[in-house]
C-alpha cells in the first residue's frame, strides 16, 4: 500500500499542470522531477510530518511528472548487497484541486497544493488523513 500511496502522491502533482494560480510562477510547474521530502498524518487538525525515509546509500525516491498525463515513480531499497531500483508508470485525472490516480485495477483520490516548489498531497484511507510532500529537483 505504501508504494501505491507514493504513486498516488506523484500523480497528484501531475494534476497541477492544468491548475492556474496568479501566485504561481514558472518554477512551480508540476512537470519535471520531484523528490519525496516529508510524510505524515493529520491529527486533531494539525499536520504531523517527518522526513521521508529514503534507502540508506541509494539514490532518493522520485516522481517524474510528464506533460502527457503520466508519472513515473522510482523507488530504491538496499538489500544489504546494494541498491535495488523499482519503477511504476501510471495515469491520472484531475478536477479542480482533486486528483484521482489510476494504477492497475485500483485508484486513489486526494487533494493537492503547490507552493515554493513543494507539492503537498492529502488523501484519506480508513479514516486517517495522510500527507506527503515532494520537493522539485
N, C-alpha and C. Protein backbone atom coordinates (compact mmCIF):
# COMPACT_ATOMS: atom_id res chain seq x y z
N UNK A 1 0.83 -1.19 0.00
CA UNK A 1 0.00 0.00 0.00
C UNK A 1 0.87 1.25 0.00
N UNK A 2 2.03 1.20 0.70
CA UNK A 2 2.91 2.36 0.76
C UNK A 2 3.34 2.75 -0.65
N UNK A 3 3.67 1.76 -1.47
CA UNK A 3 4.11 2.03 -2.83
C UNK A 3 3.00 2.72 -3.61
N UNK A 4 1.77 2.26 -3.45
CA UNK A 4 0.64 2.87 -4.15
C UNK A 4 0.39 4.28 -3.63
N UNK A 5 0.62 4.49 -2.33
CA UNK A 5 0.45 5.82 -1.76
C UNK A 5 1.41 6.80 -2.42
N UNK A 6 2.67 6.41 -2.54
CA UNK A 6 3.65 7.30 -3.15
C UNK A 6 3.35 7.52 -4.62
N UNK A 7 2.87 6.49 -5.27
CA UNK A 7 2.48 6.63 -6.66
C UNK A 7 1.35 7.64 -6.75
N UNK A 8 0.40 7.52 -5.87
CA UNK A 8 -0.72 8.45 -5.84
C UNK A 8 -0.22 9.87 -5.65
N UNK A 9 0.71 10.04 -4.74
CA UNK A 9 1.23 11.35 -4.45
C UNK A 9 1.86 11.97 -5.68
N UNK A 10 2.62 11.21 -6.38
CA UNK A 10 3.28 11.76 -7.56
C UNK A 10 2.27 12.10 -8.63
N UNK A 11 1.26 11.30 -8.76
CA UNK A 11 0.26 11.56 -9.77
C UNK A 11 -0.56 12.80 -9.43
N UNK A 12 -0.73 13.05 -8.16
CA UNK A 12 -1.45 14.24 -7.76
C UNK A 12 -0.73 15.47 -8.30
N UNK A 13 0.55 15.42 -8.25
CA UNK A 13 1.34 16.53 -8.77
C UNK A 13 1.06 16.81 -10.22
N UNK A 14 0.81 15.77 -10.99
CA UNK A 14 0.52 15.97 -12.40
C UNK A 14 -0.71 16.82 -12.61
N UNK A 15 -1.62 16.74 -11.69
CA UNK A 15 -2.85 17.50 -11.84
C UNK A 15 -2.59 18.99 -11.81
N UNK A 16 -1.50 19.39 -11.27
CA UNK A 16 -1.18 20.81 -11.19
C UNK A 16 -0.88 21.40 -12.56
N UNK A 17 -0.66 20.57 -13.54
CA UNK A 17 -0.37 21.06 -14.88
C UNK A 17 -1.51 21.95 -15.36
N UNK A 18 -2.74 21.57 -15.05
CA UNK A 18 -3.86 22.34 -15.54
C UNK A 18 -4.34 23.39 -14.55
N UNK A 19 -3.67 23.51 -13.43
CA UNK A 19 -4.05 24.48 -12.41
C UNK A 19 -3.41 25.82 -12.71
N UNK A 20 -4.20 26.88 -12.62
CA UNK A 20 -3.67 28.21 -12.87
C UNK A 20 -3.91 29.06 -11.64
N UNK A 21 -2.83 29.64 -11.09
CA UNK A 21 -2.92 30.45 -9.90
C UNK A 21 -2.02 31.66 -10.13
N UNK A 22 -2.56 32.86 -9.93
CA UNK A 22 -1.79 34.07 -10.15
C UNK A 22 -0.54 34.14 -9.28
N UNK A 23 -0.54 33.44 -8.13
CA UNK A 23 0.62 33.46 -7.24
C UNK A 23 1.71 32.50 -7.71
N UNK A 24 1.40 31.62 -8.65
CA UNK A 24 2.39 30.66 -9.11
C UNK A 24 3.26 31.30 -10.19
N UNK A 25 4.47 30.77 -10.32
CA UNK A 25 5.32 31.20 -11.41
C UNK A 25 5.87 29.96 -12.10
N UNK A 26 6.71 30.15 -13.10
CA UNK A 26 7.17 29.00 -13.88
C UNK A 26 7.94 28.01 -13.04
N UNK A 27 8.48 28.41 -11.90
CA UNK A 27 9.25 27.48 -11.07
C UNK A 27 8.34 26.54 -10.28
N UNK A 28 7.02 26.72 -10.34
CA UNK A 28 6.11 25.85 -9.60
C UNK A 28 5.38 24.87 -10.51
N UNK A 29 5.81 24.74 -11.75
CA UNK A 29 5.17 23.78 -12.65
C UNK A 29 5.39 22.36 -12.14
N UNK A 30 4.36 21.56 -12.26
CA UNK A 30 4.45 20.17 -11.80
C UNK A 30 5.30 19.31 -12.74
N UNK A 31 5.40 19.72 -13.99
CA UNK A 31 6.17 18.94 -14.96
C UNK A 31 7.64 18.99 -14.57
N UNK A 32 8.23 17.81 -14.43
CA UNK A 32 9.63 17.72 -14.05
C UNK A 32 9.83 16.63 -13.02
N UNK A 33 10.96 16.67 -12.39
CA UNK A 33 11.34 15.63 -11.42
C UNK A 33 11.16 16.15 -10.00
N UNK A 34 10.52 15.33 -9.16
CA UNK A 34 10.26 15.67 -7.75
C UNK A 34 10.83 14.57 -6.87
N UNK A 35 11.32 14.98 -5.73
CA UNK A 35 11.90 14.05 -4.75
C UNK A 35 10.99 13.99 -3.52
N UNK A 36 10.74 12.77 -3.04
CA UNK A 36 9.95 12.64 -1.82
C UNK A 36 10.68 13.34 -0.69
N UNK A 37 9.93 14.11 0.11
CA UNK A 37 10.52 15.02 1.08
C UNK A 37 10.06 14.72 2.51
N UNK A 38 8.77 14.81 2.75
CA UNK A 38 8.22 14.55 4.08
C UNK A 38 6.93 13.75 3.94
N UNK A 39 6.53 13.08 5.03
CA UNK A 39 5.29 12.31 5.04
C UNK A 39 4.75 12.29 6.46
N UNK A 40 3.44 12.07 6.55
CA UNK A 40 2.85 12.01 7.88
C UNK A 40 1.33 11.96 7.83
N UNK A 41 0.73 12.53 8.89
CA UNK A 41 -0.71 12.43 9.11
C UNK A 41 -1.25 13.77 9.57
N UNK A 42 -2.58 13.86 9.59
CA UNK A 42 -3.25 14.99 10.21
C UNK A 42 -3.89 14.46 11.49
N UNK A 43 -3.53 15.08 12.63
CA UNK A 43 -4.06 14.67 13.93
C UNK A 43 -4.65 15.91 14.60
N UNK A 44 -5.92 15.84 14.96
CA UNK A 44 -6.61 16.97 15.58
C UNK A 44 -6.43 18.25 14.76
N UNK A 45 -6.49 18.12 13.43
CA UNK A 45 -6.40 19.27 12.55
C UNK A 45 -4.99 19.76 12.29
N UNK A 46 -3.98 19.15 12.90
CA UNK A 46 -2.59 19.56 12.72
C UNK A 46 -1.82 18.51 11.93
N UNK A 47 -1.00 18.99 10.98
CA UNK A 47 -0.15 18.07 10.23
C UNK A 47 1.05 17.66 11.09
N UNK A 48 1.30 16.38 11.15
CA UNK A 48 2.46 15.83 11.84
C UNK A 48 3.32 15.18 10.75
N UNK A 49 4.40 15.85 10.36
CA UNK A 49 5.23 15.38 9.26
C UNK A 49 6.63 15.03 9.74
N UNK A 50 7.19 13.99 9.15
CA UNK A 50 8.57 13.59 9.40
C UNK A 50 9.29 13.48 8.07
N UNK A 51 10.61 13.51 8.10
CA UNK A 51 11.39 13.34 6.88
C UNK A 51 11.05 12.00 6.24
N UNK A 52 10.97 12.00 4.92
CA UNK A 52 10.74 10.77 4.15
C UNK A 52 11.95 9.86 4.34
N UNK A 53 11.69 8.57 4.49
CA UNK A 53 12.74 7.58 4.77
C UNK A 53 13.28 6.99 3.46
N UNK A 54 14.32 7.63 2.90
CA UNK A 54 14.98 7.10 1.70
C UNK A 54 15.91 5.96 2.11
N UNK A 55 16.12 4.99 1.22
CA UNK A 55 17.02 3.87 1.49
C UNK A 55 18.45 4.39 1.68
N UNK A 56 19.10 3.94 2.72
CA UNK A 56 20.46 4.37 3.05
C UNK A 56 21.43 3.93 1.94
N UNK A 57 22.23 4.88 1.48
CA UNK A 57 23.25 4.59 0.49
C UNK A 57 22.76 4.52 -0.95
N UNK A 58 21.48 4.81 -1.17
CA UNK A 58 20.90 4.73 -2.51
C UNK A 58 20.47 6.12 -2.98
N UNK A 59 20.12 6.21 -4.25
CA UNK A 59 19.52 7.44 -4.76
C UNK A 59 18.21 7.67 -4.03
N UNK A 60 17.71 8.89 -4.08
CA UNK A 60 16.45 9.21 -3.42
C UNK A 60 15.27 8.84 -4.31
N UNK A 61 14.17 8.44 -3.68
CA UNK A 61 12.94 8.10 -4.40
C UNK A 61 12.40 9.36 -5.06
N UNK A 62 11.94 9.22 -6.31
CA UNK A 62 11.48 10.38 -7.07
C UNK A 62 10.21 10.07 -7.85
N UNK A 63 9.62 11.15 -8.34
CA UNK A 63 8.49 11.06 -9.26
C UNK A 63 8.77 12.02 -10.41
N UNK A 64 8.68 11.51 -11.62
CA UNK A 64 8.88 12.32 -12.83
C UNK A 64 7.52 12.57 -13.44
N UNK A 65 7.07 13.83 -13.41
CA UNK A 65 5.78 14.21 -13.97
C UNK A 65 5.95 14.63 -15.42
N UNK A 66 5.18 14.04 -16.29
CA UNK A 66 5.25 14.32 -17.71
C UNK A 66 4.00 15.06 -18.17
N UNK A 67 4.15 15.90 -19.16
CA UNK A 67 3.03 16.71 -19.64
C UNK A 67 1.96 15.89 -20.36
N UNK A 68 2.23 14.62 -20.63
CA UNK A 68 1.25 13.77 -21.32
C UNK A 68 0.29 13.06 -20.36
N UNK A 69 0.29 13.41 -19.06
CA UNK A 69 -0.64 12.81 -18.11
C UNK A 69 -0.15 11.52 -17.50
N UNK A 70 1.15 11.27 -17.59
CA UNK A 70 1.72 10.09 -16.93
C UNK A 70 2.75 10.55 -15.91
N UNK A 71 2.99 9.69 -14.96
CA UNK A 71 4.03 9.94 -13.96
C UNK A 71 4.79 8.64 -13.74
N UNK A 72 6.11 8.76 -13.67
CA UNK A 72 6.94 7.59 -13.38
C UNK A 72 7.58 7.81 -12.02
N UNK A 73 7.31 6.86 -11.13
CA UNK A 73 7.92 6.90 -9.82
C UNK A 73 9.05 5.88 -9.77
N UNK A 74 10.14 6.28 -9.13
CA UNK A 74 11.29 5.40 -8.98
C UNK A 74 11.59 5.28 -7.49
N UNK A 75 11.66 4.03 -7.01
CA UNK A 75 11.91 3.73 -5.60
C UNK A 75 13.18 2.91 -5.49
N UNK A 76 13.91 3.13 -4.40
CA UNK A 76 15.14 2.37 -4.15
C UNK A 76 15.04 1.67 -2.81
N UNK A 77 15.60 0.47 -2.76
CA UNK A 77 15.75 -0.24 -1.49
C UNK A 77 17.17 -0.77 -1.45
N UNK A 78 17.67 -1.05 -0.26
CA UNK A 78 19.01 -1.58 -0.09
C UNK A 78 18.87 -2.94 0.57
N UNK A 79 19.16 -3.98 -0.19
CA UNK A 79 19.00 -5.34 0.32
C UNK A 79 20.25 -5.84 1.05
N UNK A 80 21.17 -4.95 1.36
CA UNK A 80 22.39 -5.34 2.06
C UNK A 80 23.55 -5.59 1.11
N UNK A 81 23.25 -5.97 -0.12
CA UNK A 81 24.31 -6.19 -1.10
C UNK A 81 24.35 -5.07 -2.13
N UNK A 82 23.45 -4.10 -1.99
CA UNK A 82 23.42 -2.97 -2.92
C UNK A 82 22.02 -2.44 -3.10
N UNK A 83 21.93 -1.38 -3.86
CA UNK A 83 20.64 -0.73 -4.09
C UNK A 83 19.86 -1.43 -5.20
N UNK A 84 18.58 -1.55 -4.98
CA UNK A 84 17.68 -2.16 -5.95
C UNK A 84 16.67 -1.08 -6.36
N UNK A 85 16.47 -0.90 -7.67
CA UNK A 85 15.56 0.11 -8.19
C UNK A 85 14.29 -0.54 -8.70
N UNK A 86 13.15 0.07 -8.38
CA UNK A 86 11.85 -0.33 -8.91
C UNK A 86 11.19 0.93 -9.46
N UNK A 87 10.36 0.75 -10.51
CA UNK A 87 9.65 1.91 -11.03
C UNK A 87 8.25 1.52 -11.48
N UNK A 88 7.36 2.52 -11.48
CA UNK A 88 5.98 2.37 -11.91
C UNK A 88 5.61 3.57 -12.76
N UNK A 89 4.79 3.36 -13.79
CA UNK A 89 4.24 4.44 -14.58
C UNK A 89 2.73 4.30 -14.57
N UNK A 90 2.02 5.39 -14.29
CA UNK A 90 0.57 5.36 -14.17
C UNK A 90 -0.07 6.60 -14.79
N UNK A 91 -1.41 6.63 -14.77
CA UNK A 91 -2.16 7.76 -15.31
C UNK A 91 -2.96 8.42 -14.21
N UNK A 92 -3.50 9.61 -14.52
CA UNK A 92 -4.28 10.35 -13.53
C UNK A 92 -5.34 11.19 -14.24
N UNK A 93 -6.34 11.62 -13.45
CA UNK A 93 -7.33 12.61 -13.90
C UNK A 93 -7.46 13.65 -12.80
N UNK A 94 -7.82 14.87 -13.20
CA UNK A 94 -7.96 15.94 -12.22
C UNK A 94 -9.27 16.69 -12.42
N UNK A 95 -9.74 17.28 -11.32
CA UNK A 95 -10.90 18.15 -11.34
C UNK A 95 -10.69 19.17 -10.23
N UNK A 96 -10.40 20.42 -10.60
CA UNK A 96 -10.08 21.43 -9.59
C UNK A 96 -8.80 21.06 -8.89
N UNK A 97 -8.83 20.99 -7.55
CA UNK A 97 -7.63 20.59 -6.80
C UNK A 97 -7.73 19.13 -6.34
N UNK A 98 -8.59 18.37 -7.00
CA UNK A 98 -8.75 16.94 -6.69
C UNK A 98 -8.12 16.11 -7.79
N UNK A 99 -7.41 15.08 -7.39
CA UNK A 99 -6.78 14.21 -8.38
C UNK A 99 -7.14 12.76 -8.06
N UNK A 100 -7.34 12.00 -9.11
CA UNK A 100 -7.52 10.56 -9.00
C UNK A 100 -6.41 9.90 -9.79
N UNK A 101 -5.68 9.04 -9.13
CA UNK A 101 -4.58 8.32 -9.75
C UNK A 101 -5.04 6.89 -9.99
N UNK A 102 -4.83 6.43 -11.22
CA UNK A 102 -5.23 5.08 -11.61
C UNK A 102 -3.98 4.22 -11.75
N UNK A 103 -3.94 3.14 -10.99
CA UNK A 103 -2.83 2.20 -11.10
C UNK A 103 -3.41 0.79 -11.04
N UNK A 104 -3.28 0.09 -12.17
CA UNK A 104 -3.87 -1.23 -12.25
C UNK A 104 -5.37 -1.16 -12.09
N UNK A 105 -5.91 -2.03 -11.26
CA UNK A 105 -7.35 -2.06 -11.02
C UNK A 105 -7.76 -1.17 -9.84
N UNK A 106 -6.82 -0.44 -9.27
CA UNK A 106 -7.09 0.41 -8.12
C UNK A 106 -6.92 1.88 -8.48
N UNK A 107 -7.51 2.74 -7.66
CA UNK A 107 -7.31 4.17 -7.80
C UNK A 107 -7.37 4.83 -6.43
N UNK A 108 -6.74 5.99 -6.31
CA UNK A 108 -6.77 6.78 -5.09
C UNK A 108 -7.15 8.21 -5.47
N UNK A 109 -7.93 8.85 -4.62
CA UNK A 109 -8.34 10.22 -4.85
C UNK A 109 -7.93 11.06 -3.65
N UNK A 110 -7.41 12.26 -3.93
CA UNK A 110 -7.00 13.16 -2.86
C UNK A 110 -6.97 14.59 -3.35
N UNK A 111 -6.48 15.50 -2.50
CA UNK A 111 -6.35 16.91 -2.86
C UNK A 111 -4.88 17.28 -2.84
N UNK A 112 -4.56 18.38 -3.54
CA UNK A 112 -3.16 18.79 -3.62
C UNK A 112 -3.05 20.30 -3.58
N UNK A 113 -1.83 20.75 -3.27
CA UNK A 113 -1.47 22.17 -3.37
C UNK A 113 0.02 22.23 -3.68
N UNK A 114 0.46 23.36 -4.23
CA UNK A 114 1.87 23.56 -4.53
C UNK A 114 2.24 24.97 -4.14
N UNK A 115 3.39 25.09 -3.46
CA UNK A 115 3.88 26.39 -3.04
C UNK A 115 5.38 26.30 -2.83
N UNK A 116 6.11 27.29 -3.35
CA UNK A 116 7.56 27.35 -3.15
C UNK A 116 8.26 26.05 -3.54
N UNK A 117 7.87 25.47 -4.67
CA UNK A 117 8.46 24.23 -5.18
C UNK A 117 8.24 23.03 -4.27
N UNK A 118 7.21 23.09 -3.43
CA UNK A 118 6.82 21.95 -2.59
C UNK A 118 5.41 21.54 -2.99
N UNK A 119 5.27 20.28 -3.34
CA UNK A 119 3.98 19.70 -3.69
C UNK A 119 3.45 18.96 -2.47
N UNK A 120 2.25 19.30 -2.02
CA UNK A 120 1.64 18.64 -0.86
C UNK A 120 0.39 17.91 -1.32
N UNK A 121 0.29 16.65 -0.95
CA UNK A 121 -0.87 15.83 -1.31
C UNK A 121 -1.47 15.24 -0.04
N UNK A 122 -2.80 15.32 0.04
CA UNK A 122 -3.54 14.75 1.17
C UNK A 122 -4.56 13.76 0.63
N UNK A 123 -4.66 12.63 1.30
CA UNK A 123 -5.71 11.67 0.96
C UNK A 123 -6.13 10.96 2.23
N UNK A 124 -7.35 10.43 2.21
CA UNK A 124 -7.90 9.74 3.38
C UNK A 124 -8.05 8.27 3.07
N UNK A 125 -7.62 7.44 4.02
CA UNK A 125 -7.75 5.99 3.89
C UNK A 125 -8.16 5.44 5.26
N UNK A 126 -9.28 4.75 5.30
CA UNK A 126 -9.79 4.17 6.55
C UNK A 126 -9.88 5.19 7.67
N UNK A 127 -10.30 6.42 7.34
CA UNK A 127 -10.50 7.45 8.34
C UNK A 127 -9.26 8.24 8.72
N UNK A 128 -8.10 7.85 8.23
CA UNK A 128 -6.85 8.55 8.52
C UNK A 128 -6.49 9.46 7.35
N UNK A 129 -6.12 10.71 7.64
CA UNK A 129 -5.70 11.65 6.60
C UNK A 129 -4.18 11.58 6.51
N UNK A 130 -3.69 11.16 5.35
CA UNK A 130 -2.26 11.06 5.09
C UNK A 130 -1.79 12.30 4.32
N UNK A 131 -0.54 12.70 4.58
CA UNK A 131 0.04 13.85 3.89
C UNK A 131 1.42 13.43 3.38
N UNK A 132 1.70 13.77 2.13
CA UNK A 132 3.01 13.53 1.54
C UNK A 132 3.45 14.81 0.86
N UNK A 133 4.73 15.18 1.03
CA UNK A 133 5.25 16.33 0.32
C UNK A 133 6.44 15.90 -0.52
N UNK A 134 6.58 16.56 -1.65
CA UNK A 134 7.70 16.33 -2.55
C UNK A 134 8.30 17.69 -2.88
N UNK A 135 9.62 17.73 -3.09
CA UNK A 135 10.24 18.98 -3.49
C UNK A 135 10.80 18.83 -4.89
N UNK A 136 10.71 19.91 -5.65
CA UNK A 136 11.16 19.89 -7.04
C UNK A 136 12.68 19.80 -7.06
N UNK A 137 13.19 18.92 -7.91
CA UNK A 137 14.64 18.71 -8.04
C UNK A 137 15.16 19.57 -9.16
